[in-house]
Amino acid sequence: MIPQFLKRLDEFSTLSDATQAQLQEYISVVEVPKGEFILKHQEVCRYIFYIEAGFARQYYYKDGKEVTEWFAGNRDFCFSITSYFDGTPSNLLIEAVEDSTVIRLHRDGILQLSKTNPEIAQLAIQMFARSLKFSQLRTESILFQSARDRYLHLLDTKPYVIQKVPLAHIASFLGISQETLSRIRAKV
């Protein structure tokens, strides 16, 4: 399991065997049952989470309602960006939608090793750059795409999401009401 995770990290930036060995000290694996939290509300995010197997939903509360930010499936990363960088309690929650195997990469490992190991520094830059690009694309999608186009994009890029989560979570993720989502689905 850990060797496959390290190969996944290699997709961001190549890591030598020596660097992989250093990094393994900061890697742990946890089993998270369906309905349990990978990251709880107001918990400080000290890890980058990797969903080895399973499925998770990232969300926060706004005016007492759950607002879905993202879904993470097999081979996806997730974490609370603000909490991770600022060391503050997270408003974002990450919940296992199904039984999940989660690999955790501790923040201290990335921060400490990146000071002395250029490979880790490059890995961190590439991982965080990808996360920033994703966040910008998500924002642009909400601002500039129609609800129908956002739904079609979700269908095209992550069709399994439609099968795994209730429509209320999908509507929340798309930034629309359930009624609007029902109308869009009826026309597609």
N, C-alpha and C. Protein backbone atom coordinates (compact mmCIF):
# COMPACT_ATOMS: atom_id res chain seq x y z
N MET A 1 0.82 -1.19 0.00
CA MET A 1 0.00 0.00 0.00
C MET A 1 0.87 1.27 0.00
N ILE A 2 1.86 1.33 0.89
CA ILE A 2 2.74 2.49 0.95
C ILE A 2 3.55 2.63 -0.35
N PRO A 3 4.07 1.52 -0.92
CA PRO A 3 4.80 1.67 -2.19
C PRO A 3 3.94 2.29 -3.30
N GLN A 4 2.65 1.92 -3.36
CA GLN A 4 1.76 2.51 -4.37
C GLN A 4 1.55 4.00 -4.10
N PHE A 5 1.46 4.37 -2.82
CA PHE A 5 1.32 5.77 -2.45
C PHE A 5 2.55 6.57 -2.88
N LEU A 6 3.72 6.01 -2.64
CA LEU A 6 4.96 6.69 -3.04
C LEU A 6 5.04 6.84 -4.56
N LYS A 7 4.54 5.85 -5.28
CA LYS A 7 4.48 5.98 -6.74
C LYS A 7 3.53 7.11 -7.14
N ARG A 8 2.45 7.24 -6.40
CA ARG A 8 1.50 8.33 -6.67
C ARG A 8 2.18 9.67 -6.44
N LEU A 9 2.98 9.78 -5.38
CA LEU A 9 3.71 11.02 -5.14
C LEU A 9 4.70 11.31 -6.26
N ASP A 10 5.27 10.25 -6.83
CA ASP A 10 6.19 10.41 -7.96
C ASP A 10 5.53 11.09 -9.16
N GLU A 11 4.19 11.02 -9.25
CA GLU A 11 3.48 11.70 -10.33
C GLU A 11 3.59 13.22 -10.19
N PHE A 12 3.84 13.71 -8.99
CA PHE A 12 4.03 15.13 -8.76
C PHE A 12 5.48 15.52 -9.00
N SER A 13 6.37 14.72 -8.45
CA SER A 13 7.80 15.01 -8.53
C SER A 13 8.56 13.73 -8.18
N THR A 14 9.58 13.41 -8.96
CA THR A 14 10.34 12.17 -8.76
C THR A 14 11.08 12.19 -7.42
N LEU A 15 10.94 11.08 -6.70
CA LEU A 15 11.58 10.93 -5.40
C LEU A 15 12.56 9.75 -5.44
N SER A 16 13.78 9.99 -4.99
CA SER A 16 14.78 8.92 -4.94
C SER A 16 14.39 7.92 -3.85
N ASP A 17 15.01 6.77 -3.87
CA ASP A 17 14.76 5.76 -2.83
C ASP A 17 15.10 6.32 -1.45
N ALA A 18 16.18 7.08 -1.35
CA ALA A 18 16.58 7.65 -0.06
C ALA A 18 15.53 8.64 0.45
N THR A 19 14.99 9.44 -0.45
CA THR A 19 13.96 10.41 -0.07
C THR A 19 12.68 9.69 0.34
N GLN A 20 12.33 8.65 -0.40
CA GLN A 20 11.14 7.88 -0.05
C GLN A 20 11.29 7.28 1.34
N ALA A 21 12.48 6.80 1.65
CA ALA A 21 12.73 6.22 2.98
C ALA A 21 12.57 7.28 4.07
N GLN A 22 13.06 8.49 3.82
CA GLN A 22 12.90 9.57 4.79
C GLN A 22 11.42 9.91 4.99
N LEU A 23 10.70 9.94 3.92
CA LEU A 23 9.29 10.34 3.96
C LEU A 23 8.42 9.31 4.67
N GLN A 24 8.80 8.04 4.58
CA GLN A 24 7.98 6.97 5.18
C GLN A 24 7.79 7.13 6.68
N GLU A 25 8.72 7.80 7.33
CA GLU A 25 8.61 8.05 8.77
C GLU A 25 7.36 8.89 9.10
N TYR A 26 6.90 9.66 8.12
CA TYR A 26 5.78 10.58 8.34
C TYR A 26 4.47 10.11 7.70
N ILE A 27 4.46 8.85 7.27
CA ILE A 27 3.28 8.29 6.61
C ILE A 27 2.61 7.29 7.55
N SER A 28 1.30 7.38 7.64
CA SER A 28 0.54 6.40 8.42
C SER A 28 -0.72 6.02 7.65
N VAL A 29 -1.27 4.87 8.00
CA VAL A 29 -2.49 4.37 7.34
C VAL A 29 -3.56 4.19 8.41
N VAL A 30 -4.76 4.67 8.10
CA VAL A 30 -5.88 4.50 9.02
C VAL A 30 -7.09 3.99 8.24
N GLU A 31 -7.88 3.19 8.93
CA GLU A 31 -9.15 2.74 8.37
C GLU A 31 -10.24 3.63 8.96
N VAL A 32 -11.06 4.20 8.09
CA VAL A 32 -12.12 5.11 8.55
C VAL A 32 -13.46 4.53 8.12
N PRO A 33 -14.28 4.11 9.07
CA PRO A 33 -15.59 3.53 8.71
C PRO A 33 -16.52 4.58 8.11
N LYS A 34 -17.44 4.11 7.32
CA LYS A 34 -18.47 4.97 6.73
C LYS A 34 -19.14 5.80 7.83
N GLY A 35 -19.30 7.09 7.54
CA GLY A 35 -19.95 7.98 8.48
C GLY A 35 -19.03 8.61 9.51
N GLU A 36 -17.80 8.12 9.61
CA GLU A 36 -16.82 8.70 10.53
C GLU A 36 -16.05 9.81 9.81
N PHE A 37 -15.35 10.61 10.60
CA PHE A 37 -14.64 11.76 10.03
C PHE A 37 -13.15 11.50 9.87
N ILE A 38 -12.66 11.86 8.72
CA ILE A 38 -11.22 11.87 8.44
C ILE A 38 -10.64 13.14 9.07
N LEU A 39 -11.40 14.23 8.96
CA LEU A 39 -11.06 15.50 9.61
C LEU A 39 -12.34 16.05 10.22
N LYS A 40 -12.30 16.28 11.52
CA LYS A 40 -13.49 16.77 12.24
C LYS A 40 -13.55 18.29 12.22
N HIS A 41 -14.75 18.80 12.44
CA HIS A 41 -14.95 20.24 12.56
C HIS A 41 -14.12 20.78 13.73
N GLN A 42 -13.40 21.84 13.49
CA GLN A 42 -12.56 22.52 14.47
C GLN A 42 -11.29 21.75 14.86
N GLU A 43 -11.00 20.68 14.17
CA GLU A 43 -9.74 19.96 14.37
C GLU A 43 -8.68 20.63 13.49
N VAL A 44 -7.45 20.74 13.98
CA VAL A 44 -6.38 21.29 13.16
C VAL A 44 -5.94 20.21 12.17
N CYS A 45 -5.86 20.58 10.91
CA CYS A 45 -5.47 19.64 9.85
C CYS A 45 -3.95 19.51 9.84
N ARG A 46 -3.47 18.35 10.26
CA ARG A 46 -2.03 18.12 10.34
C ARG A 46 -1.54 17.13 9.28
N TYR A 47 -2.44 16.79 8.37
CA TYR A 47 -2.09 15.79 7.35
C TYR A 47 -2.61 16.20 5.98
N ILE A 48 -1.93 15.69 4.97
CA ILE A 48 -2.52 15.60 3.65
C ILE A 48 -3.05 14.18 3.59
N PHE A 49 -4.33 14.05 3.27
CA PHE A 49 -4.98 12.74 3.25
C PHE A 49 -5.03 12.22 1.82
N TYR A 50 -4.81 10.93 1.68
CA TYR A 50 -4.87 10.26 0.39
C TYR A 50 -5.85 9.11 0.53
N ILE A 51 -6.89 9.12 -0.28
CA ILE A 51 -7.89 8.07 -0.22
C ILE A 51 -7.37 6.88 -1.04
N GLU A 52 -6.83 5.92 -0.35
CA GLU A 52 -6.32 4.71 -1.01
C GLU A 52 -7.48 3.87 -1.53
N ALA A 53 -8.50 3.74 -0.72
CA ALA A 53 -9.71 3.01 -1.10
C ALA A 53 -10.86 3.64 -0.35
N GLY A 54 -11.98 3.78 -1.01
CA GLY A 54 -13.15 4.36 -0.37
C GLY A 54 -13.57 5.66 -1.04
N PHE A 55 -14.28 6.47 -0.27
CA PHE A 55 -14.84 7.70 -0.82
C PHE A 55 -15.14 8.66 0.31
N ALA A 56 -14.83 9.94 0.11
CA ALA A 56 -15.03 10.95 1.15
C ALA A 56 -15.67 12.21 0.57
N ARG A 57 -16.31 12.95 1.45
CA ARG A 57 -16.93 14.22 1.07
C ARG A 57 -16.35 15.31 1.95
N GLN A 58 -15.95 16.41 1.33
CA GLN A 58 -15.46 17.58 2.04
C GLN A 58 -16.59 18.60 2.07
N TYR A 59 -16.89 19.12 3.27
CA TYR A 59 -17.95 20.12 3.35
C TYR A 59 -17.75 21.02 4.56
N TYR A 60 -18.50 22.09 4.58
CA TYR A 60 -18.50 23.00 5.70
C TYR A 60 -19.94 23.44 5.96
N TYR A 61 -20.14 24.16 7.04
CA TYR A 61 -21.47 24.67 7.37
C TYR A 61 -21.55 26.15 7.05
N LYS A 62 -22.66 26.54 6.44
CA LYS A 62 -22.94 27.95 6.18
C LYS A 62 -24.39 28.19 6.56
N ASP A 63 -24.61 29.07 7.49
CA ASP A 63 -25.97 29.37 7.96
C ASP A 63 -26.72 28.11 8.36
N GLY A 64 -26.01 27.19 9.02
CA GLY A 64 -26.61 25.97 9.53
C GLY A 64 -26.82 24.88 8.48
N LYS A 65 -26.41 25.13 7.24
CA LYS A 65 -26.57 24.14 6.17
C LYS A 65 -25.21 23.61 5.74
N GLU A 66 -25.20 22.33 5.35
CA GLU A 66 -23.98 21.74 4.83
C GLU A 66 -23.76 22.19 3.40
N VAL A 67 -22.53 22.63 3.10
CA VAL A 67 -22.16 23.03 1.75
C VAL A 67 -20.99 22.14 1.32
N THR A 68 -21.23 21.32 0.32
CA THR A 68 -20.21 20.38 -0.14
C THR A 68 -19.18 21.11 -1.00
N GLU A 69 -17.92 20.94 -0.65
CA GLU A 69 -16.84 21.57 -1.40
C GLU A 69 -16.27 20.61 -2.45
N TRP A 70 -16.12 19.33 -2.08
CA TRP A 70 -15.50 18.39 -3.01
C TRP A 70 -15.75 16.97 -2.57
N PHE A 71 -15.54 16.04 -3.50
CA PHE A 71 -15.59 14.61 -3.23
C PHE A 71 -14.23 14.02 -3.56
N ALA A 72 -13.74 13.14 -2.72
CA ALA A 72 -12.46 12.49 -2.95
C ALA A 72 -12.67 10.99 -3.01
N GLY A 73 -12.28 10.39 -4.13
CA GLY A 73 -12.39 8.95 -4.31
C GLY A 73 -11.02 8.30 -4.31
N ASN A 74 -10.97 7.08 -4.80
CA ASN A 74 -9.71 6.35 -4.87
C ASN A 74 -8.64 7.17 -5.57
N ARG A 75 -7.47 7.21 -4.96
CA ARG A 75 -6.29 7.89 -5.50
C ARG A 75 -6.42 9.41 -5.51
N ASP A 76 -7.34 9.96 -4.70
CA ASP A 76 -7.49 11.41 -4.59
C ASP A 76 -6.90 11.89 -3.26
N PHE A 77 -6.40 13.11 -3.29
CA PHE A 77 -5.89 13.77 -2.09
C PHE A 77 -6.95 14.74 -1.58
N CYS A 78 -6.92 15.00 -0.29
CA CYS A 78 -7.80 16.02 0.29
C CYS A 78 -7.19 16.52 1.59
N PHE A 79 -7.50 17.76 1.93
CA PHE A 79 -7.08 18.35 3.19
C PHE A 79 -7.72 19.72 3.31
N SER A 80 -7.66 20.29 4.49
CA SER A 80 -8.17 21.64 4.72
C SER A 80 -7.00 22.60 4.54
N ILE A 81 -6.99 23.32 3.44
CA ILE A 81 -5.85 24.17 3.08
C ILE A 81 -5.56 25.21 4.16
N THR A 82 -6.57 25.94 4.57
CA THR A 82 -6.35 27.02 5.55
C THR A 82 -5.85 26.46 6.87
N SER A 83 -6.48 25.42 7.37
CA SER A 83 -6.07 24.83 8.64
C SER A 83 -4.66 24.27 8.55
N TYR A 84 -4.34 23.61 7.45
CA TYR A 84 -3.04 22.99 7.25
C TYR A 84 -1.92 24.04 7.29
N PHE A 85 -2.11 25.14 6.57
CA PHE A 85 -1.06 26.15 6.49
C PHE A 85 -1.01 27.07 7.71
N ASP A 86 -2.17 27.39 8.26
CA ASP A 86 -2.21 28.33 9.38
C ASP A 86 -2.15 27.64 10.75
N GLY A 87 -2.38 26.34 10.78
CA GLY A 87 -2.40 25.62 12.06
C GLY A 87 -3.60 26.02 12.91
N THR A 88 -4.69 26.39 12.25
CA THR A 88 -5.90 26.83 12.94
C THR A 88 -6.98 25.75 12.84
N PRO A 89 -7.96 25.78 13.74
CA PRO A 89 -9.05 24.81 13.66
C PRO A 89 -9.77 24.89 12.30
N SER A 90 -10.10 23.75 11.77
CA SER A 90 -10.70 23.67 10.44
C SER A 90 -12.20 23.87 10.48
N ASN A 91 -12.70 24.69 9.57
CA ASN A 91 -14.14 24.79 9.35
C ASN A 91 -14.60 23.72 8.37
N LEU A 92 -13.66 23.17 7.64
CA LEU A 92 -13.94 22.11 6.66
C LEU A 92 -13.96 20.77 7.37
N LEU A 93 -14.93 19.94 7.04
CA LEU A 93 -15.01 18.58 7.56
C LEU A 93 -14.77 17.63 6.40
N ILE A 94 -14.12 16.51 6.67
CA ILE A 94 -13.94 15.47 5.67
C ILE A 94 -14.52 14.19 6.25
N GLU A 95 -15.58 13.70 5.63
CA GLU A 95 -16.33 12.54 6.13
C GLU A 95 -16.20 11.38 5.16
N ALA A 96 -16.00 10.19 5.70
CA ALA A 96 -15.98 8.98 4.88
C ALA A 96 -17.42 8.65 4.48
N VAL A 97 -17.68 8.66 3.18
CA VAL A 97 -19.01 8.33 2.66
C VAL A 97 -19.17 6.81 2.58
N GLU A 98 -18.05 6.11 2.51
CA GLU A 98 -18.04 4.65 2.59
C GLU A 98 -16.78 4.26 3.36
N ASP A 99 -16.72 3.01 3.80
CA ASP A 99 -15.52 2.55 4.51
C ASP A 99 -14.31 2.91 3.66
N SER A 100 -13.31 3.53 4.29
CA SER A 100 -12.18 4.05 3.53
C SER A 100 -10.84 3.71 4.18
N THR A 101 -9.87 3.45 3.35
CA THR A 101 -8.49 3.32 3.78
C THR A 101 -7.81 4.63 3.41
N VAL A 102 -7.28 5.31 4.42
CA VAL A 102 -6.72 6.64 4.22
C VAL A 102 -5.24 6.63 4.60
N ILE A 103 -4.42 7.09 3.68
CA ILE A 103 -2.99 7.26 3.97
C ILE A 103 -2.79 8.72 4.33
N ARG A 104 -2.12 8.93 5.46
CA ARG A 104 -1.90 10.29 5.95
C ARG A 104 -0.42 10.65 5.85
N LEU A 105 -0.16 11.79 5.26
CA LEU A 105 1.21 12.32 5.17
C LEU A 105 1.27 13.52 6.11
N HIS A 106 2.04 13.38 7.19
CA HIS A 106 2.07 14.39 8.24
C HIS A 106 2.73 15.68 7.76
N ARG A 107 2.12 16.77 8.14
CA ARG A 107 2.59 18.11 7.80
C ARG A 107 4.04 18.32 8.23
N ASP A 108 4.40 17.85 9.43
CA ASP A 108 5.77 18.04 9.93
C ASP A 108 6.80 17.42 8.99
N GLY A 109 6.46 16.30 8.40
CA GLY A 109 7.38 15.64 7.47
C GLY A 109 7.68 16.51 6.27
N ILE A 110 6.63 17.03 5.66
CA ILE A 110 6.80 17.89 4.49
C ILE A 110 7.60 19.14 4.88
N LEU A 111 7.22 19.79 5.97
CA LEU A 111 7.87 21.05 6.36
C LEU A 111 9.32 20.85 6.77
N GLN A 112 9.58 19.85 7.61
CA GLN A 112 10.95 19.63 8.07
C GLN A 112 11.86 19.14 6.96
N LEU A 113 11.39 18.15 6.21
CA LEU A 113 12.24 17.57 5.17
C LEU A 113 12.47 18.54 4.01
N SER A 114 11.50 19.41 3.75
CA SER A 114 11.67 20.33 2.62
C SER A 114 12.77 21.36 2.88
N LYS A 115 13.15 21.55 4.12
CA LYS A 115 14.23 22.49 4.45
C LYS A 115 15.59 21.95 4.03
N THR A 116 15.73 20.62 4.03
CA THR A 116 17.04 20.02 3.74
C THR A 116 17.04 19.14 2.51
N ASN A 117 15.87 18.80 2.00
CA ASN A 117 15.79 17.87 0.88
C ASN A 117 15.08 18.55 -0.30
N PRO A 118 15.81 18.88 -1.34
CA PRO A 118 15.20 19.56 -2.49
C PRO A 118 14.10 18.73 -3.18
N GLU A 119 14.20 17.42 -3.11
CA GLU A 119 13.16 16.58 -3.71
C GLU A 119 11.82 16.76 -2.98
N ILE A 120 11.88 16.83 -1.65
CA ILE A 120 10.67 17.04 -0.86
C ILE A 120 10.14 18.45 -1.10
N ALA A 121 11.05 19.42 -1.17
CA ALA A 121 10.62 20.79 -1.44
C ALA A 121 9.90 20.87 -2.79
N GLN A 122 10.44 20.21 -3.78
CA GLN A 122 9.80 20.21 -5.10
C GLN A 122 8.46 19.48 -5.06
N LEU A 123 8.39 18.38 -4.34
CA LEU A 123 7.12 17.65 -4.17
C LEU A 123 6.07 18.57 -3.57
N ALA A 124 6.44 19.27 -2.50
CA ALA A 124 5.49 20.17 -1.84
C ALA A 124 5.02 21.26 -2.79
N ILE A 125 5.94 21.86 -3.52
CA ILE A 125 5.57 22.91 -4.48
C ILE A 125 4.58 22.36 -5.50
N GLN A 126 4.87 21.20 -6.05
CA GLN A 126 4.00 20.63 -7.09
C GLN A 126 2.63 20.24 -6.54
N MET A 127 2.61 19.66 -5.33
CA MET A 127 1.32 19.27 -4.74
C MET A 127 0.47 20.50 -4.44
N PHE A 128 1.08 21.51 -3.85
CA PHE A 128 0.31 22.70 -3.48
C PHE A 128 -0.07 23.51 -4.72
N ALA A 129 0.78 23.51 -5.72
CA ALA A 129 0.43 24.20 -6.97
C ALA A 129 -0.78 23.54 -7.61
N ARG A 130 -0.81 22.22 -7.63
CA ARG A 130 -1.97 21.52 -8.20
C ARG A 130 -3.23 21.81 -7.41
N SER A 131 -3.10 21.88 -6.10
CA SER A 131 -4.25 22.20 -5.25
C SER A 131 -4.76 23.62 -5.53
N LEU A 132 -3.85 24.56 -5.67
CA LEU A 132 -4.23 25.94 -5.97
C LEU A 132 -4.91 26.05 -7.34
N LYS A 133 -4.35 25.34 -8.33
CA LYS A 133 -4.96 25.36 -9.67
C LYS A 133 -6.36 24.78 -9.62
N PHE A 134 -6.51 23.69 -8.89
CA PHE A 134 -7.83 23.08 -8.76
C PHE A 134 -8.82 24.06 -8.13
N SER A 135 -8.38 24.73 -7.07
CA SER A 135 -9.27 25.69 -6.38
C SER A 135 -9.68 26.81 -7.31
N GLN A 136 -8.74 27.30 -8.11
CA GLN A 136 -9.08 28.37 -9.05
C GLN A 136 -10.06 27.88 -10.11
N LEU A 137 -9.83 26.69 -10.65
CA LEU A 137 -10.75 26.14 -11.65
C LEU A 137 -12.15 25.94 -11.06
N ARG A 138 -12.19 25.50 -9.82
CA ARG A 138 -13.49 25.31 -9.15
C ARG A 138 -14.21 26.65 -9.00
N THR A 139 -13.49 27.68 -8.59
CA THR A 139 -14.08 29.01 -8.44
C THR A 139 -14.56 29.53 -9.79
N GLU A 140 -13.73 29.39 -10.83
CA GLU A 140 -14.13 29.84 -12.16
C GLU A 140 -15.36 29.10 -12.65
N SER A 141 -15.45 27.83 -12.35
CA SER A 141 -16.61 27.04 -12.76
C SER A 141 -17.89 27.60 -12.14
N ILE A 142 -17.83 27.90 -10.83
CA ILE A 142 -19.01 28.45 -10.15
C ILE A 142 -19.36 29.83 -10.71
N LEU A 143 -18.35 30.64 -11.00
CA LEU A 143 -18.59 32.00 -11.46
C LEU A 143 -19.03 32.08 -12.93
N PHE A 144 -18.48 31.22 -13.78
CA PHE A 144 -18.65 31.42 -15.21
C PHE A 144 -19.42 30.34 -15.96
N GLN A 145 -19.62 29.18 -15.36
CA GLN A 145 -20.36 28.12 -16.04
C GLN A 145 -21.80 28.07 -15.56
N SER A 146 -22.66 27.64 -16.45
CA SER A 146 -24.05 27.46 -16.04
C SER A 146 -24.14 26.22 -15.15
N ALA A 147 -25.23 26.13 -14.41
CA ALA A 147 -25.45 24.96 -13.54
C ALA A 147 -25.45 23.68 -14.38
N ARG A 148 -26.06 23.75 -15.54
CA ARG A 148 -26.10 22.58 -16.43
C ARG A 148 -24.69 22.17 -16.84
N ASP A 149 -23.86 23.13 -17.22
CA ASP A 149 -22.49 22.82 -17.63
C ASP A 149 -21.67 22.25 -16.47
N ARG A 150 -21.90 22.77 -15.26
CA ARG A 150 -21.18 22.22 -14.09
C ARG A 150 -21.59 20.78 -13.85
N TYR A 151 -22.89 20.49 -14.00
CA TYR A 151 -23.37 19.13 -13.82
C TYR A 151 -22.78 18.20 -14.89
N LEU A 152 -22.79 18.65 -16.14
CA LEU A 152 -22.24 17.84 -17.23
C LEU A 152 -20.75 17.59 -17.04
N HIS A 153 -20.05 18.59 -16.54
CA HIS A 153 -18.62 18.42 -16.28
C HIS A 153 -18.40 17.37 -15.18
N LEU A 154 -19.21 17.43 -14.14
CA LEU A 154 -19.11 16.42 -13.07
C LEU A 154 -19.40 15.03 -13.63
N LEU A 155 -20.42 14.92 -14.45
CA LEU A 155 -20.75 13.63 -15.08
C LEU A 155 -19.59 13.12 -15.92
N ASP A 156 -18.94 14.03 -16.63
CA ASP A 156 -17.86 13.66 -17.53
C ASP A 156 -16.59 13.28 -16.79
N THR A 157 -16.25 14.03 -15.74
CA THR A 157 -14.97 13.82 -15.07
C THR A 157 -15.04 12.88 -13.87
N LYS A 158 -16.17 12.84 -13.18
CA LYS A 158 -16.30 12.00 -11.98
C LYS A 158 -17.69 11.38 -11.94
N PRO A 159 -18.03 10.54 -12.90
CA PRO A 159 -19.39 9.98 -12.96
C PRO A 159 -19.76 9.15 -11.73
N TYR A 160 -18.78 8.56 -11.08
CA TYR A 160 -19.06 7.72 -9.91
C TYR A 160 -19.65 8.53 -8.75
N VAL A 161 -19.40 9.84 -8.73
CA VAL A 161 -19.94 10.68 -7.65
C VAL A 161 -21.46 10.61 -7.66
N ILE A 162 -22.04 10.63 -8.84
CA ILE A 162 -23.50 10.62 -8.98
C ILE A 162 -24.08 9.35 -8.34
N GLN A 163 -23.34 8.26 -8.40
CA GLN A 163 -23.82 6.98 -7.87
C GLN A 163 -23.58 6.83 -6.38
N LYS A 164 -22.65 7.60 -5.82
CA LYS A 164 -22.23 7.37 -4.44
C LYS A 164 -22.86 8.30 -3.41
N VAL A 165 -23.32 9.46 -3.82
CA VAL A 165 -23.80 10.42 -2.82
C VAL A 165 -25.22 10.88 -3.13
N PRO A 166 -25.94 11.29 -2.11
CA PRO A 166 -27.30 11.79 -2.31
C PRO A 166 -27.31 13.05 -3.19
N LEU A 167 -28.42 13.23 -3.89
CA LEU A 167 -28.55 14.39 -4.77
C LEU A 167 -28.40 15.70 -4.02
N ALA A 168 -28.79 15.73 -2.76
CA ALA A 168 -28.64 16.97 -1.97
C ALA A 168 -27.18 17.40 -1.91
N HIS A 169 -26.25 16.45 -1.76
CA HIS A 169 -24.83 16.78 -1.70
C HIS A 169 -24.32 17.23 -3.06
N ILE A 170 -24.81 16.60 -4.11
CA ILE A 170 -24.41 17.00 -5.46
C ILE A 170 -24.90 18.41 -5.76
N ALA A 171 -26.15 18.70 -5.43
CA ALA A 171 -26.71 20.03 -5.65
C ALA A 171 -25.90 21.06 -4.87
N SER A 172 -25.57 20.76 -3.63
CA SER A 172 -24.78 21.66 -2.81
C SER A 172 -23.42 21.91 -3.44
N PHE A 173 -22.78 20.87 -3.92
CA PHE A 173 -21.48 20.99 -4.58
C PHE A 173 -21.57 21.87 -5.82
N LEU A 174 -22.65 21.73 -6.57
CA LEU A 174 -22.83 22.50 -7.80
C LEU A 174 -23.30 23.93 -7.53
N GLY A 175 -23.68 24.19 -6.28
CA GLY A 175 -24.15 25.53 -5.93
C GLY A 175 -25.56 25.82 -6.39
N ILE A 176 -26.39 24.78 -6.43
CA ILE A 176 -27.78 24.93 -6.89
C ILE A 176 -28.72 24.21 -5.94
N SER A 177 -30.02 24.46 -6.12
CA SER A 177 -31.01 23.76 -5.29
C SER A 177 -31.23 22.35 -5.83
N GLN A 178 -31.80 21.50 -5.00
CA GLN A 178 -32.13 20.14 -5.45
C GLN A 178 -33.15 20.18 -6.59
N GLU A 179 -34.07 21.13 -6.53
CA GLU A 179 -35.09 21.25 -7.58
C GLU A 179 -34.44 21.58 -8.92
N THR A 180 -33.48 22.51 -8.90
CA THR A 180 -32.77 22.86 -10.14
C THR A 180 -32.01 21.66 -10.66
N LEU A 181 -31.35 20.93 -9.76
CA LEU A 181 -30.63 19.74 -10.19
C LEU A 181 -31.57 18.71 -10.80
N SER A 182 -32.74 18.53 -10.22
CA SER A 182 -33.73 17.59 -10.77
C SER A 182 -34.15 18.00 -12.18
N ARG A 183 -34.36 19.29 -12.38
CA ARG A 183 -34.74 19.78 -13.72
C ARG A 183 -33.63 19.54 -14.73
N ILE A 184 -32.39 19.79 -14.31
CA ILE A 184 -31.24 19.57 -15.21
C ILE A 184 -31.12 18.10 -15.55
N ARG A 185 -31.25 17.24 -14.56
CA ARG A 185 -31.13 15.79 -14.79
C ARG A 185 -32.22 15.28 -15.71
N ALA A 186 -33.41 15.86 -15.62
CA ALA A 186 -34.53 15.44 -16.46
C ALA A 186 -34.28 15.78 -17.93
N LYS A 187 -33.51 16.83 -18.17
CA LYS A 187 -33.25 17.27 -19.55
C LYS A 187 -32.00 16.64 -20.16
N VAL A 188 -31.17 16.04 -19.32
CA VAL A 188 -29.89 15.47 -19.82
C VAL A 188 -30.11 14.06 -20.30
